C-alpha atoms as a PDB file:
ATOM      1  CA  MET A   1      37.323 -30.174 -16.164  1.00  0.00           C
ATOM      2  CA  THR A   2      33.990 -28.661 -15.095  1.00  0.00           C
ATOM      3  CA  THR A   3      33.904 -26.350 -12.085  1.00  0.00           C
ATOM      4  CA  ALA A   4      30.825 -26.571  -9.873  1.00  0.00           C
ATOM      5  CA  ASP A   5      28.643 -23.504  -9.529  1.00  0.00           C
ATOM      6  CA  PRO A   6      29.230 -22.309  -5.921  1.00  0.00           C
ATOM      7  CA  ALA A   7      25.606 -21.208  -5.551  1.00  0.00           C
ATOM      8  CA  ALA A   8      24.460 -24.723  -6.454  1.00  0.00           C
ATOM      9  CA  LEU A   9      26.538 -26.239  -3.654  1.00  0.00           C
ATOM     10  CA  PRO A  10      25.212 -26.616  -0.086  1.00  0.00           C
ATOM     11  CA  PHE A  11      25.794 -23.477   1.964  1.00  0.00           C
ATOM     12  CA  THR A  12      28.206 -25.026   4.448  1.00  0.00           C
ATOM     13  CA  VAL A  13      30.941 -23.606   6.654  1.00  0.00           C
ATOM     14  CA  THR A  14      33.503 -24.918   4.151  1.00  0.00           C
ATOM     15  CA  GLU A  15      31.846 -23.228   1.175  1.00  0.00           C
ATOM     16  CA  ALA A  16      31.359 -19.970   3.075  1.00  0.00           C
ATOM     17  CA  SER A  17      35.030 -20.005   4.136  1.00  0.00           C
ATOM     18  CA  LYS A  18      36.141 -20.313   0.516  1.00  0.00           C
ATOM     19  CA  THR A  19      33.992 -17.314  -0.380  1.00  0.00           C
ATOM     20  CA  LEU A  20      35.400 -15.377   2.555  1.00  0.00           C
ATOM     21  CA  SER A  21      38.996 -16.016   1.484  1.00  0.00           C
ATOM     22  CA  GLU A  22      38.299 -14.792  -2.038  1.00  0.00           C
ATOM     23  CA  ALA A  23      36.372 -11.728  -0.805  1.00  0.00           C
ATOM     24  CA  CYS A  24      39.233 -10.764   1.486  1.00  0.00           C
ATOM     25  CA  ARG A  25      41.774 -11.271  -1.286  1.00  0.00           C
ATOM     26  CA  ARG A  26      39.843  -8.873  -3.522  1.00  0.00           C
ATOM     27  CA  THR A  27      39.488  -6.196  -0.850  1.00  0.00           C
ATOM     28  CA  GLY A  28      42.933  -6.542   0.698  1.00  0.00           C
ATOM     29  CA  LEU A  29      41.620  -7.718   4.069  1.00  0.00           C
ATOM     30  CA  GLN A  30      43.353 -10.345   6.196  1.00  0.00           C
ATOM     31  CA  SER A  31      41.306 -13.516   6.667  1.00  0.00           C
ATOM     32  CA  GLU A  32      43.833 -15.838   8.304  1.00  0.00           C
ATOM     33  CA  GLU A  33      42.334 -15.591  11.805  1.00  0.00           C
ATOM     34  CA  ALA A  34      38.725 -15.307  10.673  1.00  0.00           C
ATOM     35  CA  ARG A  35      36.146 -16.638  13.115  1.00  0.00           C
ATOM     36  CA  LEU A  36      32.701 -17.884  12.124  1.00  0.00           C
ATOM     37  CA  ILE A  37      30.075 -16.178  14.267  1.00  0.00           C
ATOM     38  CA  ARG A  38      26.968 -17.689  12.752  1.00  0.00           C
ATOM     39  CA  LEU A  39      25.728 -19.783   9.849  1.00  0.00           C
ATOM     40  CA  GLY A  40      22.104 -19.203   9.022  1.00  0.00           C
ATOM     41  CA  GLU A  41      20.529 -17.206   6.226  1.00  0.00           C
ATOM     42  CA  ASN A  42      24.026 -15.726   5.959  1.00  0.00           C
ATOM     43  CA  ALA A  43      27.495 -16.782   7.015  1.00  0.00           C
ATOM     44  CA  ILE A  44      28.880 -14.135   9.347  1.00  0.00           C
ATOM     45  CA  PHE A  45      32.613 -13.920  10.015  1.00  0.00           C
ATOM     46  CA  ASP A  46      34.707 -11.787  12.335  1.00  0.00           C
ATOM     47  CA  LEU A  47      38.084 -10.581  11.043  1.00  0.00           C
ATOM     48  CA  PRO A  48      39.782  -9.641  14.336  1.00  0.00           C
ATOM     49  CA  ALA A  49      42.919  -8.245  12.720  1.00  0.00           C
ATOM     50  CA  GLU A  50      40.813  -5.841  10.646  1.00  0.00           C
ATOM     51  CA  LYS A  51      37.995  -5.122  13.129  1.00  0.00           C
ATOM     52  CA  VAL A  52      35.571  -5.976  10.336  1.00  0.00           C
ATOM     53  CA  ILE A  53      32.533  -8.241  10.157  1.00  0.00           C
ATOM     54  CA  VAL A  54      31.852  -9.983   6.847  1.00  0.00           C
ATOM     55  CA  ARG A  55      28.366 -11.139   5.829  1.00  0.00           C
ATOM     56  CA  ILE A  56      28.059 -13.698   3.034  1.00  0.00           C
ATOM     57  CA  ALA A  57      24.610 -14.381   1.597  1.00  0.00           C
ATOM     58  CA  ARG A  58      23.501 -17.714   0.169  1.00  0.00           C
ATOM     59  CA  SER A  59      23.162 -16.752  -3.495  1.00  0.00           C
ATOM     60  CA  ALA A  60      23.103 -13.888  -5.978  1.00  0.00           C
ATOM     61  CA  GLU A  61      19.293 -14.132  -5.899  1.00  0.00           C
ATOM     62  CA  VAL A  62      19.367 -11.990  -2.743  1.00  0.00           C
ATOM     63  CA  LEU A  63      21.689  -9.288  -4.089  1.00  0.00           C
ATOM     64  CA  ALA A  64      18.894  -6.719  -3.762  1.00  0.00           C
ATOM     65  CA  ASP A  65      18.640  -7.496  -0.042  1.00  0.00           C
ATOM     66  CA  ALA A  66      22.382  -7.001   0.426  1.00  0.00           C
ATOM     67  CA  THR A  67      22.210  -3.670  -1.407  1.00  0.00           C
ATOM     68  CA  LYS A  68      19.247  -2.661   0.756  1.00  0.00           C
ATOM     69  CA  GLU A  69      21.158  -3.536   3.949  1.00  0.00           C
ATOM     70  CA  VAL A  70      23.882  -1.035   3.165  1.00  0.00           C
ATOM     71  CA  ALA A  71      21.357   1.685   2.281  1.00  0.00           C
ATOM     72  CA  VAL A  72      19.334   1.045   5.456  1.00  0.00           C
ATOM     73  CA  ALA A  73      22.457   1.206   7.630  1.00  0.00           C
ATOM     74  CA  LYS A  74      23.357   4.629   6.246  1.00  0.00           C
ATOM     75  CA  TRP A  75      19.785   5.859   6.793  1.00  0.00           C
ATOM     76  CA  LEU A  76      19.752   4.648  10.409  1.00  0.00           C
ATOM     77  CA  ARG A  77      23.097   6.348  11.043  1.00  0.00           C
ATOM     78  CA  ASP A  78      21.785   9.633   9.632  1.00  0.00           C
ATOM     79  CA  SER A  79      18.569   9.229  11.663  1.00  0.00           C
ATOM     80  CA  GLY A  80      20.459   8.850  14.944  1.00  0.00           C
ATOM     81  CA  LEU A  81      19.409   5.278  15.676  1.00  0.00           C
ATOM     82  CA  PRO A  82      22.454   3.325  16.951  1.00  0.00           C
ATOM     83  CA  ALA A  83      23.073   0.575  14.421  1.00  0.00           C
ATOM     84  CA  ALA A  84      25.795  -1.374  12.649  1.00  0.00           C
ATOM     85  CA  GLU A  85      27.638   0.643  10.009  1.00  0.00           C
ATOM     86  CA  PRO A  86      29.150  -0.565   6.722  1.00  0.00           C
ATOM     87  CA  THR A  87      32.839  -0.069   5.999  1.00  0.00           C
ATOM     88  CA  ASP A  88      34.014   2.308   3.270  1.00  0.00           C
ATOM     89  CA  HIS A  89      34.399  -0.504   0.720  1.00  0.00           C
ATOM     90  CA  GLU A  90      32.349  -0.404  -2.470  1.00  0.00           C
ATOM     91  CA  GLN A  91      29.654  -2.925  -1.665  1.00  0.00           C
ATOM     92  CA  PRO A  92      28.034  -5.325  -1.910  1.00  0.00           C
ATOM     93  CA  ILE A  93      30.399  -7.354  -4.058  1.00  0.00           C
ATOM     94  CA  ILE A  94      29.646 -10.702  -5.699  1.00  0.00           C
ATOM     95  CA  VAL A  95      32.114 -13.465  -4.852  1.00  0.00           C
ATOM     96  CA  ARG A  96      31.611 -17.016  -6.112  1.00  0.00           C
ATOM     97  CA  ASP A  97      28.054 -15.978  -6.992  1.00  0.00           C
ATOM     98  CA  ARG A  98      27.316 -14.847  -3.425  1.00  0.00           C
ATOM     99  CA  PRO A  99      26.726 -11.239  -2.242  1.00  0.00           C
ATOM    100  CA  VAL A 100      29.268 -10.108   0.358  1.00  0.00           C
ATOM    101  CA  THR A 101      29.104  -7.034   2.601  1.00  0.00           C
ATOM    102  CA  PHE A 102      31.583  -5.595   5.108  1.00  0.00           C
ATOM    103  CA  TRP A 103      30.735  -3.995   8.456  1.00  0.00           C
ATOM    104  CA  GLN A 104      32.531  -2.066  11.153  1.00  0.00           C
ATOM    105  CA  PHE A 105      33.237  -4.173  14.214  1.00  0.00           C
ATOM    106  CA  ILE A 106      31.279  -3.307  17.370  1.00  0.00           C
ATOM    107  CA  ASN A 107      33.048  -4.014  20.660  1.00  0.00           C
ATOM    108  CA  ASP A 108      30.640  -6.514  22.183  1.00  0.00           C
ATOM    109  CA  SER A 109      30.500  -6.462  25.980  1.00  0.00           C
ATOM    110  CA  GLY A 110      29.223 -10.046  25.987  1.00  0.00           C
ATOM    111  CA  GLU A 111      26.238  -8.850  27.991  1.00  0.00           C
ATOM    112  CA  LYS A 112      22.884  -9.639  26.452  1.00  0.00           C
ATOM    113  CA  ALA A 113      20.594  -6.740  25.613  1.00  0.00           C
ATOM    114  CA  THR A 114      17.276  -6.887  27.445  1.00  0.00           C
ATOM    115  CA  THR A 115      13.781  -7.229  26.023  1.00  0.00           C
ATOM    116  CA  GLY A 116      13.222  -3.678  27.245  1.00  0.00           C
ATOM    117  CA  ASP A 117      16.190  -2.550  25.137  1.00  0.00           C
ATOM    118  CA  LEU A 118      14.668  -4.271  22.118  1.00  0.00           C
ATOM    119  CA  ALA A 119      11.280  -2.637  22.683  1.00  0.00           C
ATOM    120  CA  ARG A 120      12.874   0.801  23.010  1.00  0.00           C
ATOM    121  CA  ILE A 121      14.876   0.380  19.781  1.00  0.00           C
ATOM    122  CA  LEU A 122      11.835  -0.932  17.898  1.00  0.00           C
ATOM    123  CA  ARG A 123       9.661   1.931  19.111  1.00  0.00           C
ATOM    124  CA  GLN A 124      12.296   4.393  17.896  1.00  0.00           C
ATOM    125  CA  LEU A 125      12.608   2.595  14.554  1.00  0.00           C
ATOM    126  CA  HIS A 126       8.871   2.356  13.987  1.00  0.00           C
ATOM    127  CA  HIS A 127       8.473   6.105  14.446  1.00  0.00           C
ATOM    128  CA  LEU A 128      11.193   7.127  11.989  1.00  0.00           C
ATOM    129  CA  PRO A 129       9.925   8.829   8.810  1.00  0.00           C
ATOM    130  CA  VAL A 130      10.966   6.749   5.807  1.00  0.00           C
ATOM    131  CA  PRO A 131      12.637   8.725   2.998  1.00  0.00           C
ATOM    132  CA  PRO A 132      11.011   8.156  -0.405  1.00  0.00           C
ATOM    133  CA  ASP A 133      14.321   7.145  -1.994  1.00  0.00           C
ATOM    134  CA  LEU A 134      15.066   4.353   0.513  1.00  0.00           C
ATOM    135  CA  PRO A 135      14.640   1.007  -1.320  1.00  0.00           C
ATOM    136  CA  LEU A 136      12.334  -0.667   1.198  1.00  0.00           C
ATOM    137  CA  PRO A 137      10.201  -3.461  -0.268  1.00  0.00           C
ATOM    138  CA  LYS A 138       6.723  -4.285   0.939  1.00  0.00           C
ATOM    139  CA  PHE A 139       7.069  -6.626   3.915  1.00  0.00           C
ATOM    140  CA  ASP A 140       6.585 -10.293   3.086  1.00  0.00           C
ATOM    141  CA  ILE A 141       6.020 -12.059   6.382  1.00  0.00           C
ATOM    142  CA  PHE A 142       6.601 -15.443   4.756  1.00  0.00           C
ATOM    143  CA  GLY A 143      10.053 -14.442   3.595  1.00  0.00           C
ATOM    144  CA  ARG A 144      11.885 -17.303   1.921  1.00  0.00           C
ATOM    145  CA  VAL A 145       9.821 -20.100   3.435  1.00  0.00           C
ATOM    146  CA  THR A 146       8.590 -21.426   0.095  1.00  0.00           C
ATOM    147  CA  GLU A 147      12.112 -21.691  -1.294  1.00  0.00           C
ATOM    148  CA  ARG A 148      13.404 -23.369   1.853  1.00  0.00           C
ATOM    149  CA  ILE A 149      10.718 -26.062   1.674  1.00  0.00           C
ATOM    150  CA  THR A 150      10.840 -26.728  -2.057  1.00  0.00           C
ATOM    151  CA  LYS A 151      14.653 -26.796  -2.214  1.00  0.00           C
ATOM    152  CA  ALA A 152      15.181 -28.946   0.887  1.00  0.00           C
ATOM    153  CA  ASP A 153      16.897 -32.205  -0.023  1.00  0.00           C
ATOM    154  CA  THR A 154      16.778 -33.672   3.490  1.00  0.00           C
ATOM    155  CA  LEU A 155      13.005 -33.797   3.939  1.00  0.00           C
ATOM    156  CA  ARG A 156      10.909 -36.926   3.689  1.00  0.00           C
ATOM    157  CA  ASP A 157       8.116 -36.562   1.130  1.00  0.00           C
ATOM    158  CA  GLU A 158       5.421 -36.592   3.801  1.00  0.00           C
ATOM    159  CA  ASP A 159       7.199 -33.870   5.804  1.00  0.00           C
ATOM    160  CA  GLN A 160       7.571 -31.691   2.737  1.00  0.00           C
ATOM    161  CA  GLU A 161       3.893 -32.144   1.916  1.00  0.00           C
ATOM    162  CA  PHE A 162       2.954 -31.209   5.484  1.00  0.00           C
ATOM    163  CA  LEU A 163       5.059 -28.028   5.417  1.00  0.00           C
ATOM    164  CA  ILE A 164       3.685 -26.991   2.025  1.00  0.00           C
ATOM    165  CA  LYS A 165       0.115 -27.445   3.270  1.00  0.00           C
ATOM    166  CA  ARG A 166       0.807 -25.572   6.498  1.00  0.00           C
ATOM    167  CA  LEU A 167       2.318 -22.715   4.531  1.00  0.00           C
ATOM    168  CA  PHE A 168      -0.753 -22.601   2.268  1.00  0.00           C
ATOM    169  CA  ASP A 169      -3.146 -22.613   5.245  1.00  0.00           C
ATOM    170  CA  LEU A 170      -1.275 -19.820   6.997  1.00  0.00           C
ATOM    171  CA  ARG A 171      -1.196 -17.710   3.847  1.00  0.00           C
ATOM    172  CA  GLU A 172      -4.991 -18.012   3.672  1.00  0.00           C
ATOM    173  CA  GLN A 173      -5.385 -17.063   7.341  1.00  0.00           C
ATOM    174  CA  HIS A 174      -3.005 -14.136   6.967  1.00  0.00           C
ATOM    175  CA  LYS A 175      -5.081 -12.654   4.129  1.00  0.00           C
ATOM    176  CA  ASN A 176      -7.895 -11.981   6.594  1.00  0.00           C
ATOM    177  CA  LEU A 177      -5.821 -10.093   9.177  1.00  0.00           C
ATOM    178  CA  HIS A 178      -6.476  -6.433   9.898  1.00  0.00           C
ATOM    179  CA  TYR A 179      -3.473  -4.788  11.538  1.00  0.00           C
ATOM    180  CA  PRO A 180      -4.350  -2.115  14.109  1.00  0.00           C
ATOM    181  CA  LEU A 181      -1.039  -0.189  14.025  1.00  0.00           C
ATOM    182  CA  GLU A 182       0.152   2.131  11.269  1.00  0.00           C
ATOM    183  CA  PHE A 183       2.587   0.667   8.718  1.00  0.00           C
ATOM    184  CA  CYS A 184       6.197   1.790   9.000  1.00  0.00           C
ATOM    185  CA  ALA A 185       9.775   0.624   8.490  1.00  0.00           C
ATOM    186  CA  VAL A 186      10.111  -2.785  10.151  1.00  0.00           C
ATOM    187  CA  HIS A 187      13.210  -4.802  10.967  1.00  0.00           C
ATOM    188  CA  GLY A 188      11.743  -8.101   9.808  1.00  0.00           C
ATOM    189  CA  ASP A 189      13.801 -10.265  12.188  1.00  0.00           C
ATOM    190  CA  ALA A 190      13.457  -8.400  15.459  1.00  0.00           C
ATOM    191  CA  HIS A 191      14.887 -10.555  18.222  1.00  0.00           C
ATOM    192  CA  GLN A 192      17.433  -9.937  20.980  1.00  0.00           C
ATOM    193  CA  GLN A 193      20.252 -11.603  19.056  1.00  0.00           C
ATOM    194  CA  ASN A 194      20.048  -8.746  16.580  1.00  0.00           C
ATOM    195  CA  LEU A 195      21.097  -6.286  19.253  1.00  0.00           C
ATOM    196  CA  ILE A 196      24.663  -5.837  20.488  1.00  0.00           C
ATOM    197  CA  LYS A 197      25.464  -4.227  23.824  1.00  0.00           C
ATOM    198  CA  SER A 198      28.851  -2.578  23.421  1.00  0.00           C
ATOM    199  CA  THR A 199      31.570  -2.218  26.037  1.00  0.00           C
ATOM    200  CA  ASP A 200      30.586   1.442  26.530  1.00  0.00           C
ATOM    201  CA  GLY A 201      26.966   0.470  27.253  1.00  0.00           C
ATOM    202  CA  GLY A 202      25.478   1.379  23.882  1.00  0.00           C
ATOM    203  CA  ILE A 203      22.794  -0.785  22.273  1.00  0.00           C
ATOM    204  CA  PHE A 204      23.218  -1.320  18.522  1.00  0.00           C
ATOM    205  CA  LEU A 205      20.742  -2.778  16.045  1.00  0.00           C
ATOM    206  CA  ILE A 206      22.207  -5.206  13.479  1.00  0.00           C
ATOM    207  CA  ASP A 207      21.150  -7.420  10.546  1.00  0.00           C
ATOM    208  CA  PHE A 208      19.096  -5.391   8.067  1.00  0.00           C
ATOM    209  CA  GLU A 209      18.470  -8.108   5.489  1.00  0.00           C
ATOM    210  CA  ARG A 210      14.711  -8.391   6.102  1.00  0.00           C
ATOM    211  CA  PHE A 211      14.065  -4.643   6.487  1.00  0.00           C
ATOM    212  CA  ALA A 212      10.838  -3.627   4.775  1.00  0.00           C
ATOM    213  CA  PHE A 213       7.771  -1.403   4.969  1.00  0.00           C
ATOM    214  CA  GLY A 214       4.927  -3.096   6.768  1.00  0.00           C
ATOM    215  CA  PRO A 215       3.049  -3.728  10.020  1.00  0.00           C
ATOM    216  CA  PRO A 216       4.992  -3.141  13.258  1.00  0.00           C
ATOM    217  CA  GLU A 217       3.051  -6.036  14.792  1.00  0.00           C
ATOM    218  CA  SER A 218       5.281  -8.329  12.727  1.00  0.00           C
ATOM    219  CA  ASP A 219       8.342  -7.172  14.679  1.00  0.00           C
ATOM    220  CA  LEU A 220       6.585  -7.328  18.038  1.00  0.00           C
ATOM    221  CA  ALA A 221       5.252 -10.845  17.433  1.00  0.00           C
ATOM    222  CA  VAL A 222       8.782 -12.280  17.299  1.00  0.00           C
ATOM    223  CA  THR A 223       9.458 -11.663  20.997  1.00  0.00           C
ATOM    224  CA  ALA A 224       5.912 -12.699  21.913  1.00  0.00           C
ATOM    225  CA  THR A 225       6.372 -15.998  20.062  1.00  0.00           C
ATOM    226  CA  GLU A 226       9.716 -16.609  21.762  1.00  0.00           C
ATOM    227  CA  HIS A 227       8.069 -15.892  25.121  1.00  0.00           C
ATOM    228  CA  LEU A 228       5.413 -18.559  24.529  1.00  0.00           C
ATOM    229  CA  ILE A 229       8.129 -21.020  23.499  1.00  0.00           C
ATOM    230  CA  GLY A 230       9.766 -20.369  26.863  1.00  0.00           C
ATOM    231  CA  TRP A 231      12.736 -18.248  25.873  1.00  0.00           C
ATOM    232  CA  HIS A 232      11.600 -15.179  27.846  1.00  0.00           C
ATOM    233  CA  THR A 233      10.206 -15.021  31.362  1.00  0.00           C
ATOM    234  CA  PRO A 234       6.810 -13.421  32.056  1.00  0.00           C
ATOM    235  CA  ASP A 235       8.641 -10.438  33.574  1.00  0.00           C
ATOM    236  CA  ASP A 236      10.848 -10.103  30.495  1.00  0.00           C
ATOM    237  CA  TYR A 237       7.848 -10.103  28.198  1.00  0.00           C
ATOM    238  CA  SER A 238       5.929  -7.694  30.423  1.00  0.00           C
ATOM    239  CA  SER A 239       8.896  -5.319  30.270  1.00  0.00           C
ATOM    240  CA  PHE A 240       8.933  -5.625  26.480  1.00  0.00           C
ATOM    241  CA  ALA A 241       5.234  -4.862  26.041  1.00  0.00           C
ATOM    242  CA  LYS A 242       5.269  -2.037  28.578  1.00  0.00           C
ATOM    243  CA  SER A 243       8.395  -0.418  27.101  1.00  0.00           C
ATOM    244  CA  TYR A 244       6.942  -0.473  23.591  1.00  0.00           C
ATOM    245  CA  GLY A 245       3.468   0.606  24.678  1.00  0.00           C
ATOM    246  CA  PHE A 246       1.506  -2.140  22.936  1.00  0.00           C
ATOM    247  CA  ASP A 247       1.005  -5.815  23.758  1.00  0.00           C
ATOM    248  CA  VAL A 248       0.700  -7.693  20.477  1.00  0.00           C
ATOM    249  CA  MET A 249      -0.522 -10.815  22.314  1.00  0.00           C
ATOM    250  CA  GLU A 250      -3.739  -8.988  23.149  1.00  0.00           C
ATOM    251  CA  TRP A 251      -4.505  -8.524  19.446  1.00  0.00           C
ATOM    252  CA  GLU A 252      -6.739 -11.242  18.002  1.00  0.00           C
ATOM    253  CA  GLY A 253      -4.511 -11.687  14.960  1.00  0.00           C
ATOM    254  CA  PHE A 254      -1.458 -12.639  16.999  1.00  0.00           C
ATOM    255  CA  THR A 255      -2.158 -16.375  16.936  1.00  0.00           C
ATOM    256  CA  VAL A 256      -1.705 -16.356  13.158  1.00  0.00           C
ATOM    257  CA  LEU A 257       1.584 -14.443  13.416  1.00  0.00           C
ATOM    258  CA  ARG A 258       2.741 -16.865  16.090  1.00  0.00           C
ATOM    259  CA  SER A 259       2.125 -19.854  13.815  1.00  0.00           C
ATOM    260  CA  ILE A 260       3.876 -18.121  10.930  1.00  0.00           C
ATOM    261  CA  ASN A 261       6.886 -17.342  13.118  1.00  0.00           C
ATOM    262  CA  GLU A 262       7.106 -20.947  14.287  1.00  0.00           C
ATOM    263  CA  LEU A 263       7.037 -22.158  10.683  1.00  0.00           C
ATOM    264  CA  LYS A 264       9.775 -19.687   9.767  1.00  0.00           C
ATOM    265  CA  MET A 265      11.897 -20.698  12.762  1.00  0.00           C
ATOM    266  CA  THR A 266      11.559 -24.362  11.819  1.00  0.00           C
ATOM    267  CA  THR A 267      12.371 -23.968   8.121  1.00  0.00           C
ATOM    268  CA  TRP A 268      15.265 -21.617   8.928  1.00  0.00           C
ATOM    269  CA  LEU A 269      16.879 -24.294  11.072  1.00  0.00           C
ATOM    270  CA  MET A 270      16.091 -26.947   8.457  1.00  0.00           C
ATOM    271  CA  GLN A 271      18.668 -25.389   6.135  1.00  0.00           C
ATOM    272  CA  ASN A 272      21.525 -26.481   8.404  1.00  0.00           C
ATOM    273  CA  VAL A 273      20.512 -29.997   9.462  1.00  0.00           C
ATOM    274  CA  ASN A 274      23.646 -31.451   7.864  1.00  0.00           C
ATOM    275  CA  GLU A 275      25.911 -29.277  10.000  1.00  0.00           C
ATOM    276  CA  SER A 276      25.455 -31.262  13.208  1.00  0.00           C
ATOM    277  CA  ASP A 277      23.373 -33.975  14.876  1.00  0.00           C
ATOM    278  CA  LYS A 278      22.249 -31.398  17.445  1.00  0.00           C
ATOM    279  CA  ILE A 279      20.691 -29.210  14.763  1.00  0.00           C
ATOM    280  CA  ALA A 280      19.100 -32.231  13.075  1.00  0.00           C
ATOM    281  CA  ARG A 281      17.498 -33.340  16.368  1.00  0.00           C
ATOM    282  CA  GLU A 282      16.216 -29.851  17.115  1.00  0.00           C
ATOM    283  CA  PHE A 283      14.694 -29.581  13.649  1.00  0.00           C
ATOM    284  CA  GLN A 284      12.777 -32.825  14.205  1.00  0.00           C
ATOM    285  CA  ILE A 285      11.496 -31.535  17.557  1.00  0.00           C
ATOM    286  CA  ARG A 286      10.255 -28.341  15.947  1.00  0.00           C
ATOM    287  CA  LEU A 287       8.736 -30.123  12.965  1.00  0.00           C
ATOM    288  CA  SER A 288       6.866 -32.524  15.232  1.00  0.00           C
ATOM    289  CA  SER A 289       5.528 -29.603  17.292  1.00  0.00           C
ATOM    290  CA  LEU A 290       3.988 -27.964  14.239  1.00  0.00           C
ATOM    291  CA  HIS A 291       1.531 -30.849  13.922  1.00  0.00           C
ATOM    292  CA  ASN A 292      -0.264 -29.682  17.078  1.00  0.00           C
ATOM    293  CA  ASP A 293      -0.640 -26.002  18.013  1.00  0.00           C
ATOM    294  CA  ASP A 294      -1.384 -26.937  21.632  1.00  0.00           C
ATOM    295  CA  THR A 295       1.768 -29.017  22.153  1.00  0.00           C
ATOM    296  CA  PRO A 296       4.312 -27.348  24.503  1.00  0.00           C
ATOM    297  CA  ARG A 297       7.216 -26.348  22.302  1.00  0.00           C
ATOM    298  CA  GLY A 298      10.280 -27.015  24.443  1.00  0.00           C
ATOM    299  CA  TRP A 299      12.489 -25.685  21.638  1.00  0.00           C
ATOM    300  CA  SER A 300      16.153 -24.843  22.082  1.00  0.00           C
ATOM    301  CA  PRO A 301      17.500 -21.571  20.641  1.00  0.00           C
ATOM    302  CA  PHE A 302      20.149 -21.573  17.926  1.00  0.00           C
END
């Protein structure tokens, strides 16, 4: 009997749960009451009995990112920036060909951090000196977009061709950008959902998978893009820009970053279209929007 390669299987809740059970068995953690928090680039589970968060990546191809996450978390702790901290387990570990990391639980107040909170944290991060031994790669703003498009098995041929062409066009436009701010450590996925406001009022930065060395404008453009989609009010965005001290929307290169972010947001969601009809419908809305830059987005957050 041949056993399927887990990494070759779709990254579903069922597959992630199997990996979680095996990871917990190896580390002696209880997984019986595990709760899925999110399924995206990673599957993120809460182990309430252990007060531990488990992150499961899609394949061993991103092991370097998982290793980097742990190193970045320790650096942020030593630098005094409030952020998620790894547990004392030896990590990452590979389970069913997927990198797994373990994190200390943060008591979430349930209250959403503000855009001003995000700007303050990003400003602090962007001014931290980066130690020479920290394994930060050069920032790739296109991330895993190519792989998402080429490996998608739910796309019609014409949609795949459109996304490939759009990616090519945006790569060409991005080559001509001149960033005005000094390069630094960047989060790489800097949105409000990657902040937790704890029960004692602290604001903690989480999710270090896309950390890199690159232009801070790339972090700032995430909130600006979400604002133009309609996810932040004008006052919220004004607070963000004022708190950081720079309005990325006033930079002429922002329109390119906005288009790149929208492509990334669309292909990210595309990975989970088989999980629900709601996700599949939202993906089609986003994909249709990409055909016309002037079309109001009307996207729903996930």
